[in-house]
């Protein structure tokens, strides 16, 4: 019967098309898993590198600083770290938000490390030319000079931040370069959170405290925008 043959032919073609679509979907899933595994491996490697990067920490009330590796501050001073990186606007917004929680930072041993980037990469020259607050006219805003704010110095930071930005952009799009990224790191070197966008400081303080004490706190503050797993 010609009609029956035609129907069977169409059904066979339909099954072949469905099978091809399924094969493509499986291949795409496998590729996504490979890519995610590659991202995860690179991020874990960077976590070990972070402890060797240097920061200037404030050690006197008049703004005196001392240089130390991040790892030393974590191990010896039991300091947690919240690293924020992005263009100037994102950094200023983050530090203003942090200033509202400075009492909580002191109680929870948190260092905030801001790293300002430029539109075409890391704007190290601009950062180096910033006023140091030694004169009245060039005094820095108070949110930049709080005791919990540490300045990234020395080699390695540019490559570290560029790699974090690239990973975030691969997962969430290039807009992360304007919105900024944040890393929340416990004093034992574990990255608790990676996020993009405005930092919910109150929630991050609670989560760091929970990571140390094991006691969960309720928080009404939303998570970081577009969290990166």
N, C-alpha and C. Protein backbone atom coordinates (compact mmCIF):
# COMPACT_ATOMS: atom_id res chain seq x y z
N UNK A 1 0.86 -1.19 0.00
CA UNK A 1 0.00 0.00 0.00
C UNK A 1 0.89 1.24 0.00
N UNK A 2 0.72 2.09 -1.00
CA UNK A 2 1.59 3.26 -1.16
C UNK A 2 1.45 4.22 0.01
N UNK A 3 0.18 4.42 0.48
CA UNK A 3 -0.06 5.34 1.60
C UNK A 3 0.64 4.89 2.85
N UNK A 4 0.59 3.57 3.11
CA UNK A 4 1.24 3.04 4.31
C UNK A 4 2.74 3.22 4.23
N UNK A 5 3.31 2.96 3.04
CA UNK A 5 4.75 3.14 2.84
C UNK A 5 5.15 4.59 3.11
N UNK A 6 4.36 5.53 2.63
CA UNK A 6 4.65 6.95 2.83
C UNK A 6 4.63 7.32 4.31
N UNK A 7 3.62 6.80 5.02
CA UNK A 7 3.52 7.08 6.46
C UNK A 7 4.74 6.54 7.20
N UNK A 8 5.11 5.29 6.88
CA UNK A 8 6.27 4.68 7.54
C UNK A 8 7.55 5.47 7.25
N UNK A 9 7.65 5.95 6.02
CA UNK A 9 8.83 6.73 5.64
C UNK A 9 8.89 8.03 6.43
N UNK A 10 7.76 8.69 6.59
CA UNK A 10 7.71 9.93 7.36
C UNK A 10 8.04 9.69 8.83
N UNK A 11 7.48 8.58 9.38
CA UNK A 11 7.76 8.26 10.78
C UNK A 11 9.25 7.95 10.98
N UNK A 12 9.81 7.26 10.03
CA UNK A 12 11.24 6.93 10.13
C UNK A 12 12.09 8.20 10.09
N UNK A 13 11.72 9.13 9.20
CA UNK A 13 12.44 10.40 9.11
C UNK A 13 12.29 11.18 10.40
N UNK A 14 11.07 11.15 10.96
CA UNK A 14 10.81 11.86 12.22
C UNK A 14 11.69 11.30 13.33
N UNK A 15 11.78 9.95 13.39
CA UNK A 15 12.60 9.31 14.42
C UNK A 15 14.07 9.65 14.23
N UNK A 16 14.50 9.68 12.96
CA UNK A 16 15.91 10.02 12.69
C UNK A 16 16.22 11.45 13.11
N UNK A 17 15.27 12.37 12.80
CA UNK A 17 15.48 13.76 13.19
C UNK A 17 15.54 13.92 14.71
N UNK A 18 14.61 13.21 15.39
CA UNK A 18 14.60 13.27 16.84
C UNK A 18 15.89 12.70 17.42
N UNK A 19 16.34 11.61 16.79
CA UNK A 19 17.59 11.00 17.26
C UNK A 19 18.77 11.93 17.08
N UNK A 20 18.79 12.64 15.94
CA UNK A 20 19.88 13.59 15.68
C UNK A 20 19.83 14.74 16.68
N UNK A 21 18.62 15.24 16.97
CA UNK A 21 18.47 16.32 17.96
C UNK A 21 18.95 15.87 19.34
N UNK A 22 18.61 14.62 19.70
CA UNK A 22 19.02 14.09 20.99
C UNK A 22 20.54 13.98 21.07
N UNK A 23 21.15 13.51 19.96
CA UNK A 23 22.62 13.41 19.93
C UNK A 23 23.26 14.77 20.13
N UNK A 24 22.71 15.79 19.45
CA UNK A 24 23.25 17.15 19.58
C UNK A 24 23.11 17.65 21.01
N UNK A 25 21.94 17.40 21.62
CA UNK A 25 21.69 17.85 22.99
C UNK A 25 22.66 17.18 23.96
N UNK A 26 22.90 15.87 23.76
CA UNK A 26 23.84 15.15 24.63
C UNK A 26 25.26 15.71 24.47
N UNK A 27 25.65 15.95 23.21
CA UNK A 27 26.99 16.50 22.97
C UNK A 27 27.14 17.87 23.61
N UNK A 28 26.10 18.71 23.49
CA UNK A 28 26.16 20.04 24.10
C UNK A 28 26.27 19.95 25.61
N UNK A 29 25.54 19.00 26.21
CA UNK A 29 25.59 18.82 27.66
C UNK A 29 26.98 18.38 28.10
N UNK A 30 27.58 17.46 27.33
CA UNK A 30 28.93 17.00 27.64
C UNK A 30 29.93 18.14 27.55
N UNK A 31 29.78 18.98 26.51
CA UNK A 31 30.69 20.11 26.34
C UNK A 31 30.54 21.11 27.48
N UNK A 32 29.28 21.34 27.90
CA UNK A 32 29.05 22.25 29.02
C UNK A 32 29.72 21.75 30.28
N UNK A 33 29.61 20.43 30.52
CA UNK A 33 30.22 19.85 31.71
C UNK A 33 31.74 19.96 31.66
N UNK A 34 32.30 19.73 30.45
CA UNK A 34 33.75 19.87 30.30
C UNK A 34 34.19 21.30 30.58
N UNK A 35 33.42 22.27 30.07
CA UNK A 35 33.75 23.67 30.26
C UNK A 35 33.64 24.06 31.72
N UNK A 36 32.58 23.57 32.39
CA UNK A 36 32.40 23.86 33.81
C UNK A 36 33.52 23.26 34.64
N UNK A 37 33.94 22.04 34.27
CA UNK A 37 35.03 21.39 34.98
C UNK A 37 36.33 22.18 34.81
N UNK A 38 36.54 22.69 33.60
CA UNK A 38 37.73 23.49 33.33
C UNK A 38 37.70 24.78 34.15
N UNK A 39 36.52 25.45 34.19
CA UNK A 39 36.36 26.66 35.00
C UNK A 39 36.67 26.36 36.46
N UNK A 40 36.07 25.27 36.97
CA UNK A 40 36.23 24.93 38.38
C UNK A 40 37.69 24.67 38.72
N UNK A 41 38.40 23.97 37.84
CA UNK A 41 39.82 23.70 38.08
C UNK A 41 40.64 24.97 38.11
N UNK A 42 40.36 25.88 37.18
CA UNK A 42 41.10 27.14 37.13
C UNK A 42 40.81 27.99 38.36
N UNK A 43 39.55 28.00 38.81
CA UNK A 43 39.19 28.79 39.98
C UNK A 43 39.84 28.23 41.25
N UNK A 44 39.89 26.90 41.37
CA UNK A 44 40.55 26.30 42.53
C UNK A 44 42.04 26.63 42.55
N UNK A 45 42.64 26.64 41.36
CA UNK A 45 44.06 26.98 41.27
C UNK A 45 44.30 28.42 41.71
N UNK A 46 43.40 29.32 41.30
CA UNK A 46 43.55 30.72 41.69
C UNK A 46 43.36 30.91 43.20
N UNK A 47 42.52 30.08 43.79
CA UNK A 47 42.31 30.18 45.23
C UNK A 47 43.62 29.96 45.98
N UNK A 48 44.46 29.06 45.48
CA UNK A 48 45.75 28.82 46.13
C UNK A 48 46.73 29.97 45.87
N UNK A 49 46.55 30.65 44.73
CA UNK A 49 47.45 31.77 44.41
C UNK A 49 47.13 33.01 45.21
N UNK A 50 45.87 33.18 45.59
CA UNK A 50 45.45 34.39 46.29
C UNK A 50 46.24 34.61 47.57
N UNK A 51 46.54 33.55 48.30
CA UNK A 51 47.21 33.70 49.59
C UNK A 51 48.61 34.27 49.47
N UNK A 52 49.20 34.18 48.27
CA UNK A 52 50.56 34.69 48.09
C UNK A 52 50.60 36.13 47.60
N UNK A 53 49.44 36.71 47.27
CA UNK A 53 49.41 38.11 46.81
C UNK A 53 49.52 39.05 48.01
N UNK A 54 50.16 40.19 47.79
CA UNK A 54 50.43 41.12 48.88
C UNK A 54 49.37 42.21 49.00
N UNK A 55 49.15 42.65 50.23
CA UNK A 55 48.25 43.77 50.50
C UNK A 55 48.89 44.68 51.53
N UNK A 56 48.52 45.95 51.50
CA UNK A 56 48.88 46.89 52.56
C UNK A 56 47.71 46.97 53.54
N UNK A 57 47.97 46.65 54.80
CA UNK A 57 46.92 46.72 55.82
C UNK A 57 47.23 47.87 56.77
N UNK A 58 46.20 48.53 57.25
CA UNK A 58 46.37 49.65 58.16
C UNK A 58 46.65 49.15 59.57
N UNK A 59 47.73 49.67 60.15
CA UNK A 59 48.15 49.18 61.46
C UNK A 59 48.17 50.29 62.52
N UNK A 60 47.97 51.55 62.10
CA UNK A 60 47.93 52.65 63.07
C UNK A 60 46.73 53.53 62.79
N UNK A 61 46.33 54.27 63.79
CA UNK A 61 45.16 55.14 63.65
C UNK A 61 45.39 56.27 62.67
N UNK A 62 46.64 56.69 62.47
CA UNK A 62 46.91 57.78 61.54
C UNK A 62 47.11 57.30 60.10
N UNK A 63 46.81 56.04 59.84
CA UNK A 63 46.86 55.54 58.47
C UNK A 63 48.11 54.80 58.09
N UNK A 64 49.00 54.54 59.04
CA UNK A 64 50.21 53.79 58.74
C UNK A 64 49.88 52.38 58.28
N UNK A 65 50.63 51.88 57.30
CA UNK A 65 50.34 50.56 56.73
C UNK A 65 51.54 49.64 56.82
N UNK A 66 51.25 48.38 56.70
CA UNK A 66 52.29 47.36 56.65
C UNK A 66 51.91 46.35 55.59
N UNK A 67 52.89 45.91 54.80
CA UNK A 67 52.62 44.96 53.73
C UNK A 67 52.70 43.53 54.25
N UNK A 68 51.76 42.71 53.80
CA UNK A 68 51.74 41.30 54.18
C UNK A 68 50.99 40.50 53.12
N UNK A 69 51.35 39.24 52.94
CA UNK A 69 50.59 38.39 52.03
C UNK A 69 49.18 38.13 52.57
N UNK A 70 48.23 37.94 51.68
CA UNK A 70 46.86 37.65 52.10
C UNK A 70 46.83 36.43 53.01
N UNK A 71 47.61 35.42 52.66
CA UNK A 71 47.63 34.18 53.44
C UNK A 71 48.07 34.38 54.88
N UNK A 72 49.01 35.28 55.09
CA UNK A 72 49.49 35.56 56.45
C UNK A 72 48.37 36.20 57.27
N UNK A 73 47.65 37.14 56.66
CA UNK A 73 46.55 37.79 57.36
C UNK A 73 45.44 36.78 57.68
N UNK A 74 45.26 35.81 56.80
CA UNK A 74 44.24 34.79 57.05
C UNK A 74 44.68 33.83 58.17
N UNK A 75 45.92 33.38 58.10
CA UNK A 75 46.39 32.37 59.04
C UNK A 75 46.74 32.96 60.41
N UNK A 76 47.49 34.05 60.41
CA UNK A 76 47.98 34.61 61.67
C UNK A 76 46.96 35.53 62.33
N UNK A 77 46.31 36.38 61.54
CA UNK A 77 45.36 37.34 62.10
C UNK A 77 43.92 36.85 62.01
N UNK A 78 43.73 35.66 61.42
CA UNK A 78 42.39 35.05 61.31
C UNK A 78 41.40 35.98 60.59
N UNK A 79 41.88 36.65 59.56
CA UNK A 79 41.05 37.59 58.82
C UNK A 79 40.37 36.89 57.64
N UNK A 80 39.05 37.08 57.53
CA UNK A 80 38.35 36.70 56.31
C UNK A 80 38.57 37.81 55.28
N UNK A 81 38.34 37.50 54.03
CA UNK A 81 38.59 38.46 52.96
C UNK A 81 37.36 38.57 52.05
N UNK A 82 36.96 39.80 51.76
CA UNK A 82 35.98 40.05 50.71
C UNK A 82 36.67 40.92 49.66
N UNK A 83 36.92 40.32 48.53
CA UNK A 83 37.61 41.01 47.43
C UNK A 83 36.57 41.51 46.44
N UNK A 84 36.61 42.80 46.14
CA UNK A 84 35.71 43.36 45.13
C UNK A 84 36.56 43.98 44.02
N UNK A 85 36.20 43.67 42.78
CA UNK A 85 36.96 44.17 41.64
C UNK A 85 36.01 44.68 40.57
N UNK A 86 36.36 45.82 40.00
CA UNK A 86 35.51 46.39 38.96
C UNK A 86 35.93 47.82 38.68
N UNK A 87 35.19 48.51 37.82
CA UNK A 87 35.51 49.91 37.52
C UNK A 87 35.27 50.80 38.73
N UNK A 88 35.75 52.04 38.65
CA UNK A 88 35.70 52.95 39.79
C UNK A 88 34.33 53.10 40.42
N UNK A 89 33.30 53.22 39.60
CA UNK A 89 31.94 53.41 40.13
C UNK A 89 31.53 52.22 40.98
N UNK A 90 31.78 51.00 40.49
CA UNK A 90 31.40 49.80 41.23
C UNK A 90 32.17 49.70 42.54
N UNK A 91 33.45 50.08 42.51
CA UNK A 91 34.25 50.02 43.74
C UNK A 91 33.76 51.04 44.76
N UNK A 92 33.46 52.26 44.29
CA UNK A 92 32.96 53.29 45.22
C UNK A 92 31.64 52.86 45.86
N UNK A 93 30.73 52.31 45.05
CA UNK A 93 29.45 51.85 45.59
C UNK A 93 29.67 50.74 46.62
N UNK A 94 30.60 49.83 46.31
CA UNK A 94 30.86 48.72 47.23
C UNK A 94 31.44 49.22 48.54
N UNK A 95 32.38 50.15 48.48
CA UNK A 95 33.01 50.65 49.71
C UNK A 95 32.05 51.49 50.54
N UNK A 96 31.17 52.21 49.87
CA UNK A 96 30.14 52.97 50.62
C UNK A 96 29.22 52.00 51.37
N UNK A 97 28.85 50.92 50.69
CA UNK A 97 28.02 49.92 51.35
C UNK A 97 28.75 49.25 52.49
N UNK A 98 30.04 48.99 52.29
CA UNK A 98 30.84 48.37 53.34
C UNK A 98 30.93 49.25 54.57
N UNK A 99 31.02 50.56 54.35
CA UNK A 99 31.17 51.48 55.47
C UNK A 99 29.98 51.41 56.43
N UNK A 100 28.82 51.08 55.92
CA UNK A 100 27.64 50.95 56.76
C UNK A 100 27.72 49.73 57.67
N UNK A 101 28.61 48.79 57.34
CA UNK A 101 28.74 47.56 58.11
C UNK A 101 30.09 47.45 58.82
N UNK A 102 30.78 48.57 58.99
CA UNK A 102 32.14 48.51 59.53
C UNK A 102 32.22 47.92 60.93
N UNK A 103 31.20 48.12 61.75
CA UNK A 103 31.20 47.53 63.08
C UNK A 103 31.15 46.01 62.97
N UNK A 104 30.33 45.52 62.06
CA UNK A 104 30.24 44.08 61.85
C UNK A 104 31.56 43.51 61.33
N UNK A 105 32.26 44.26 60.50
CA UNK A 105 33.55 43.81 59.99
C UNK A 105 34.55 43.64 61.12
N UNK A 106 34.57 44.62 62.03
CA UNK A 106 35.50 44.57 63.15
C UNK A 106 35.22 43.36 64.04
N UNK A 107 33.93 43.07 64.24
CA UNK A 107 33.55 41.96 65.11
C UNK A 107 33.80 40.61 64.45
N UNK A 108 33.78 40.57 63.14
CA UNK A 108 33.89 39.30 62.42
C UNK A 108 35.26 39.14 61.75
N UNK A 109 36.18 40.05 61.99
CA UNK A 109 37.53 39.97 61.42
C UNK A 109 37.51 39.87 59.89
N UNK A 110 36.99 40.91 59.26
CA UNK A 110 36.89 40.92 57.80
C UNK A 110 37.77 42.03 57.22
N UNK A 111 38.54 41.66 56.21
CA UNK A 111 39.28 42.63 55.41
C UNK A 111 38.58 42.78 54.07
N UNK A 112 38.41 44.01 53.62
CA UNK A 112 37.85 44.28 52.29
C UNK A 112 38.99 44.73 51.38
N UNK A 113 39.16 44.04 50.27
CA UNK A 113 40.23 44.38 49.32
C UNK A 113 39.58 44.88 48.03
N UNK A 114 39.62 46.19 47.77
CA UNK A 114 39.05 46.72 46.52
C UNK A 114 40.12 46.77 45.42
N UNK A 115 39.75 46.34 44.23
CA UNK A 115 40.67 46.40 43.09
C UNK A 115 39.96 47.07 41.93
N UNK A 116 40.43 48.25 41.58
CA UNK A 116 39.78 49.01 40.51
C UNK A 116 40.35 48.64 39.15
N UNK A 117 39.46 48.35 38.22
CA UNK A 117 39.87 48.01 36.86
C UNK A 117 39.54 49.16 35.91
N UNK A 118 40.18 49.14 34.74
CA UNK A 118 39.90 50.12 33.70
C UNK A 118 39.07 49.49 32.60
N UNK A 119 38.61 50.28 31.66
CA UNK A 119 37.77 49.78 30.57
C UNK A 119 38.54 48.81 29.68
N UNK A 120 39.84 49.03 29.51
CA UNK A 120 40.64 48.17 28.63
C UNK A 120 41.62 47.32 29.43
N UNK A 121 41.23 46.95 30.64
CA UNK A 121 42.11 46.13 31.46
C UNK A 121 42.30 46.76 32.82
N UNK A 122 43.35 46.40 33.48
CA UNK A 122 43.61 46.85 34.83
C UNK A 122 44.27 48.22 34.80
N UNK A 123 43.65 49.20 35.41
CA UNK A 123 44.14 50.56 35.37
C UNK A 123 45.11 50.79 36.54
N UNK A 124 46.27 50.11 36.48
CA UNK A 124 47.22 50.19 37.59
C UNK A 124 47.82 51.58 37.73
N UNK A 125 48.07 52.24 36.59
CA UNK A 125 48.68 53.57 36.65
C UNK A 125 47.77 54.56 37.36
N UNK A 126 46.48 54.47 37.06
CA UNK A 126 45.53 55.37 37.70
C UNK A 126 45.47 55.12 39.20
N UNK A 127 45.48 53.83 39.56
CA UNK A 127 45.41 53.51 40.98
C UNK A 127 46.66 54.01 41.71
N UNK A 128 47.83 53.87 41.07
CA UNK A 128 49.07 54.29 41.71
C UNK A 128 49.14 55.80 41.87
N UNK A 129 48.43 56.55 41.01
CA UNK A 129 48.49 58.00 41.06
C UNK A 129 47.48 58.61 42.02
N UNK A 130 46.71 57.78 42.71
CA UNK A 130 45.70 58.31 43.63
C UNK A 130 46.37 59.04 44.78
N UNK A 131 45.74 60.09 45.31
CA UNK A 131 46.30 60.80 46.45
C UNK A 131 46.36 59.90 47.67
N UNK A 132 47.37 60.14 48.52
CA UNK A 132 47.52 59.29 49.70
C UNK A 132 46.92 59.91 50.95
N UNK A 133 46.28 61.08 50.79
CA UNK A 133 45.64 61.70 51.93
C UNK A 133 46.57 62.53 52.78
N UNK A 134 47.80 62.75 52.31
CA UNK A 134 48.77 63.48 53.12
C UNK A 134 48.52 64.99 53.11
N UNK A 135 47.74 65.47 52.15
CA UNK A 135 47.44 66.90 52.09
C UNK A 135 45.96 67.15 52.19
N UNK A 136 45.57 68.36 52.56
CA UNK A 136 44.15 68.66 52.75
C UNK A 136 43.39 68.55 51.43
N UNK A 137 43.96 69.07 50.36
CA UNK A 137 43.26 69.14 49.09
C UNK A 137 43.09 67.77 48.44
N UNK A 138 44.02 66.83 48.77
CA UNK A 138 43.95 65.54 48.09
C UNK A 138 43.52 64.43 49.03
N UNK A 139 42.84 64.79 50.12
CA UNK A 139 42.40 63.78 51.08
C UNK A 139 41.46 62.79 50.41
N UNK A 140 41.65 61.50 50.70
CA UNK A 140 40.81 60.46 50.14
C UNK A 140 39.51 60.37 50.93
N UNK A 141 38.44 59.92 50.29
CA UNK A 141 37.17 59.77 51.01
C UNK A 141 37.30 58.75 52.14
N UNK A 142 36.50 58.93 53.17
CA UNK A 142 36.63 58.11 54.36
C UNK A 142 36.38 56.64 54.10
N UNK A 143 35.52 56.32 53.13
CA UNK A 143 35.23 54.91 52.88
C UNK A 143 36.43 54.16 52.30
N UNK A 144 37.43 54.90 51.77
CA UNK A 144 38.64 54.25 51.26
C UNK A 144 39.70 54.05 52.34
N UNK A 145 39.56 54.73 53.46
CA UNK A 145 40.62 54.72 54.48
C UNK A 145 40.17 54.06 55.78
N UNK A 146 39.11 53.27 55.72
CA UNK A 146 38.67 52.56 56.92
C UNK A 146 39.69 51.48 57.30
N UNK A 147 39.79 51.15 58.59
CA UNK A 147 40.78 50.17 59.05
C UNK A 147 40.66 48.80 58.38
N UNK A 148 39.46 48.45 57.95
CA UNK A 148 39.24 47.13 57.35
C UNK A 148 39.56 47.10 55.86
N UNK A 149 39.86 48.24 55.25
CA UNK A 149 40.16 48.29 53.82
C UNK A 149 41.66 48.06 53.61
N UNK A 150 41.99 47.04 52.83
CA UNK A 150 43.39 46.73 52.52
C UNK A 150 43.65 46.99 51.04
N UNK A 151 44.82 47.50 50.73
CA UNK A 151 45.15 47.85 49.35
C UNK A 151 46.00 46.76 48.70
N UNK A 152 45.57 46.24 47.55
CA UNK A 152 46.39 45.25 46.84
C UNK A 152 47.64 45.90 46.27
N UNK A 153 48.79 45.30 46.52
CA UNK A 153 50.07 45.86 46.04
C UNK A 153 50.94 44.73 45.50
N UNK A 154 51.92 45.12 44.68
CA UNK A 154 52.88 44.15 44.18
C UNK A 154 52.39 43.39 42.96
N UNK A 155 53.18 42.42 42.56
CA UNK A 155 52.90 41.67 41.34
C UNK A 155 51.85 40.58 41.58
N UNK A 156 51.20 40.21 40.50
CA UNK A 156 50.28 39.09 40.52
C UNK A 156 48.80 39.47 40.54
N UNK A 157 48.50 40.66 41.06
CA UNK A 157 47.10 41.06 41.17
C UNK A 157 46.45 41.25 39.80
N UNK A 158 47.18 41.86 38.89
CA UNK A 158 46.59 42.15 37.57
C UNK A 158 46.16 40.86 36.89
N UNK A 159 47.04 39.86 36.91
CA UNK A 159 46.72 38.59 36.26
C UNK A 159 45.58 37.87 36.99
N UNK A 160 45.60 37.94 38.32
CA UNK A 160 44.56 37.28 39.12
C UNK A 160 43.18 37.85 38.81
N UNK A 161 43.09 39.19 38.85
CA UNK A 161 41.79 39.84 38.62
C UNK A 161 41.33 39.65 37.17
N UNK A 162 42.26 39.74 36.23
CA UNK A 162 41.90 39.55 34.82
C UNK A 162 41.32 38.16 34.60
N UNK A 163 41.91 37.15 35.24
CA UNK A 163 41.42 35.78 35.10
C UNK A 163 40.04 35.63 35.73
N UNK A 164 39.82 36.26 36.89
CA UNK A 164 38.50 36.20 37.53
C UNK A 164 37.45 36.88 36.66
N UNK A 165 37.81 38.01 36.09
CA UNK A 165 36.88 38.73 35.21
C UNK A 165 36.54 37.90 33.97
N UNK A 166 37.55 37.25 33.40
CA UNK A 166 37.32 36.45 32.20
C UNK A 166 36.38 35.28 32.51
N UNK A 167 36.60 34.63 33.64
CA UNK A 167 35.74 33.50 34.02
C UNK A 167 34.31 33.97 34.25
N UNK A 168 34.18 35.10 34.95
CA UNK A 168 32.84 35.63 35.21
C UNK A 168 32.14 36.02 33.91
N UNK A 169 32.90 36.64 32.99
CA UNK A 169 32.32 37.06 31.71
C UNK A 169 31.89 35.85 30.88
N UNK A 170 32.67 34.77 30.93
CA UNK A 170 32.30 33.56 30.19
C UNK A 170 30.98 32.98 30.69
N UNK A 171 30.72 33.14 31.99
CA UNK A 171 29.51 32.56 32.58
C UNK A 171 28.32 33.50 32.58
N UNK A 172 28.58 34.80 32.74
CA UNK A 172 27.47 35.75 32.92
C UNK A 172 27.45 36.86 31.88
N UNK A 173 28.40 36.90 30.95
CA UNK A 173 28.42 37.93 29.92
C UNK A 173 29.35 39.08 30.27
N UNK A 174 29.69 39.87 29.27
CA UNK A 174 30.66 40.95 29.43
C UNK A 174 30.18 42.08 30.35
N UNK A 175 28.89 42.11 30.66
CA UNK A 175 28.40 43.16 31.55
C UNK A 175 29.03 43.09 32.94
N UNK A 176 29.61 41.93 33.27
CA UNK A 176 30.24 41.82 34.59
C UNK A 176 31.43 42.76 34.72
N UNK A 177 32.01 43.13 33.58
CA UNK A 177 33.16 44.04 33.62
C UNK A 177 32.75 45.44 34.06
N UNK A 178 31.47 45.77 33.87
CA UNK A 178 30.95 47.04 34.35
C UNK A 178 30.35 46.92 35.75
N UNK A 179 29.74 45.77 36.04
CA UNK A 179 29.07 45.59 37.32
C UNK A 179 30.04 45.22 38.44
N UNK A 180 31.17 44.61 38.08
CA UNK A 180 32.13 44.19 39.08
C UNK A 180 31.87 42.79 39.59
N UNK A 181 32.91 42.20 40.18
CA UNK A 181 32.80 40.85 40.75
C UNK A 181 33.25 40.89 42.21
N UNK A 182 32.84 39.89 42.96
CA UNK A 182 33.21 39.80 44.37
C UNK A 182 33.56 38.36 44.73
N UNK A 183 34.59 38.21 45.56
CA UNK A 183 34.97 36.91 46.10
C UNK A 183 34.92 37.01 47.62
N UNK A 184 34.26 36.06 48.24
CA UNK A 184 34.18 36.01 49.70
C UNK A 184 34.99 34.80 50.14
N UNK A 185 36.07 35.05 50.89
CA UNK A 185 37.03 34.00 51.23
C UNK A 185 37.17 33.89 52.75
N UNK A 186 37.02 32.68 53.27
CA UNK A 186 37.17 32.47 54.71
C UNK A 186 38.66 32.50 55.09
N UNK A 187 38.93 32.57 56.40
CA UNK A 187 40.32 32.68 56.83
C UNK A 187 41.12 31.39 56.66
N UNK A 188 40.45 30.31 56.26
CA UNK A 188 41.19 29.09 55.95
C UNK A 188 41.43 28.94 54.45
N UNK A 189 41.11 29.99 53.69
CA UNK A 189 41.40 30.01 52.26
C UNK A 189 40.29 29.50 51.37
N UNK A 190 39.17 29.12 51.95
CA UNK A 190 38.06 28.59 51.15
C UNK A 190 37.24 29.74 50.56
N UNK A 191 36.99 29.69 49.24
CA UNK A 191 36.13 30.69 48.61
C UNK A 191 34.69 30.32 48.90
N UNK A 192 34.05 31.13 49.73
CA UNK A 192 32.68 30.86 50.15
C UNK A 192 31.68 31.27 49.07
N UNK A 193 31.97 32.37 48.40
CA UNK A 193 31.07 32.89 47.36
C UNK A 193 31.86 33.56 46.26
N UNK A 194 31.35 33.43 45.04
CA UNK A 194 31.80 34.25 43.91
C UNK A 194 30.53 34.88 43.36
N UNK A 195 30.55 36.19 43.14
CA UNK A 195 29.33 36.83 42.68
C UNK A 195 29.59 38.00 41.76
N UNK A 196 28.53 38.44 41.12
CA UNK A 196 28.58 39.58 40.21
C UNK A 196 27.54 40.60 40.65
N UNK A 197 27.93 41.88 40.66
CA UNK A 197 26.96 42.92 40.97
C UNK A 197 27.11 43.46 42.39
N UNK A 198 26.06 44.09 42.86
CA UNK A 198 26.09 44.75 44.16
C UNK A 198 26.26 43.74 45.29
N UNK A 199 27.16 44.04 46.20
CA UNK A 199 27.46 43.12 47.29
C UNK A 199 26.49 43.32 48.45
N UNK A 200 25.77 42.27 48.88
CA UNK A 200 24.90 42.36 50.06
C UNK A 200 25.74 42.14 51.32
N UNK A 201 26.32 43.20 51.84
CA UNK A 201 27.32 43.08 52.90
C UNK A 201 26.79 42.35 54.13
N UNK A 202 25.58 42.70 54.55
CA UNK A 202 25.04 42.09 55.76
C UNK A 202 24.97 40.58 55.63
N UNK A 203 24.52 40.11 54.47
CA UNK A 203 24.41 38.67 54.24
C UNK A 203 25.79 38.02 54.20
N UNK A 204 26.76 38.69 53.59
CA UNK A 204 28.09 38.12 53.51
C UNK A 204 28.73 38.00 54.90
N UNK A 205 28.50 38.99 55.76
CA UNK A 205 29.00 38.93 57.13
C UNK A 205 28.38 37.73 57.85
N UNK A 206 27.07 37.56 57.69
CA UNK A 206 26.38 36.45 58.34
C UNK A 206 26.91 35.11 57.85
N UNK A 207 27.14 35.01 56.55
CA UNK A 207 27.59 33.74 56.00
C UNK A 207 29.01 33.41 56.44
N UNK A 208 29.86 34.43 56.55
CA UNK A 208 31.22 34.19 57.05
C UNK A 208 31.18 33.75 58.51
N UNK A 209 30.34 34.39 59.29
CA UNK A 209 30.22 34.01 60.70
C UNK A 209 29.68 32.59 60.81
N UNK A 210 28.72 32.26 59.97
CA UNK A 210 28.15 30.92 59.97
C UNK A 210 29.20 29.88 59.60
N UNK A 211 30.08 30.23 58.61
CA UNK A 211 31.11 29.30 58.18
C UNK A 211 32.07 28.98 59.32
N UNK A 212 32.27 29.94 60.23
CA UNK A 212 33.20 29.75 61.34
C UNK A 212 32.53 29.08 62.53
N UNK A 213 31.33 29.55 62.87
CA UNK A 213 30.67 29.06 64.08
C UNK A 213 29.73 27.89 63.83
N UNK A 214 29.28 27.75 62.58
CA UNK A 214 28.31 26.71 62.27
C UNK A 214 26.89 27.08 62.63
N UNK A 215 26.69 28.29 63.14
CA UNK A 215 25.36 28.75 63.51
C UNK A 215 24.76 29.57 62.38
N UNK A 216 23.64 29.11 61.84
CA UNK A 216 23.01 29.79 60.71
C UNK A 216 22.23 30.99 61.18
N UNK A 217 22.38 32.11 60.45
CA UNK A 217 21.63 33.32 60.75
C UNK A 217 20.65 33.61 59.64
N UNK A 218 19.48 34.11 60.02
CA UNK A 218 18.48 34.48 59.02
C UNK A 218 18.80 35.87 58.49
N UNK A 219 18.70 36.05 57.18
CA UNK A 219 18.96 37.35 56.57
C UNK A 219 17.95 37.62 55.48
N UNK A 220 17.41 38.84 55.46
CA UNK A 220 16.42 39.21 54.44
C UNK A 220 17.09 39.84 53.22
N UNK A 221 18.41 39.97 53.26
CA UNK A 221 19.12 40.61 52.16
C UNK A 221 19.25 39.64 50.99
N UNK A 222 18.97 40.07 49.76
CA UNK A 222 19.09 39.17 48.62
C UNK A 222 20.53 38.78 48.33
N UNK A 223 20.70 37.68 47.60
CA UNK A 223 22.03 37.21 47.25
C UNK A 223 22.67 38.15 46.25
N UNK A 224 23.98 37.95 46.05
CA UNK A 224 24.67 38.69 45.00
C UNK A 224 23.97 38.43 43.68
N UNK A 225 23.89 39.45 42.86
CA UNK A 225 23.24 39.31 41.56
C UNK A 225 24.03 38.32 40.70
N UNK A 226 23.31 37.38 40.08
CA UNK A 226 23.91 36.41 39.17
C UNK A 226 25.09 35.70 39.79
N UNK A 227 24.84 35.02 40.89
CA UNK A 227 25.90 34.29 41.56
C UNK A 227 26.56 33.31 40.63
N UNK A 228 27.86 33.19 40.74
CA UNK A 228 28.62 32.22 39.95
C UNK A 228 28.88 31.00 40.81
N UNK A 229 28.53 29.84 40.30
CA UNK A 229 28.76 28.61 41.06
C UNK A 229 30.18 28.13 40.82
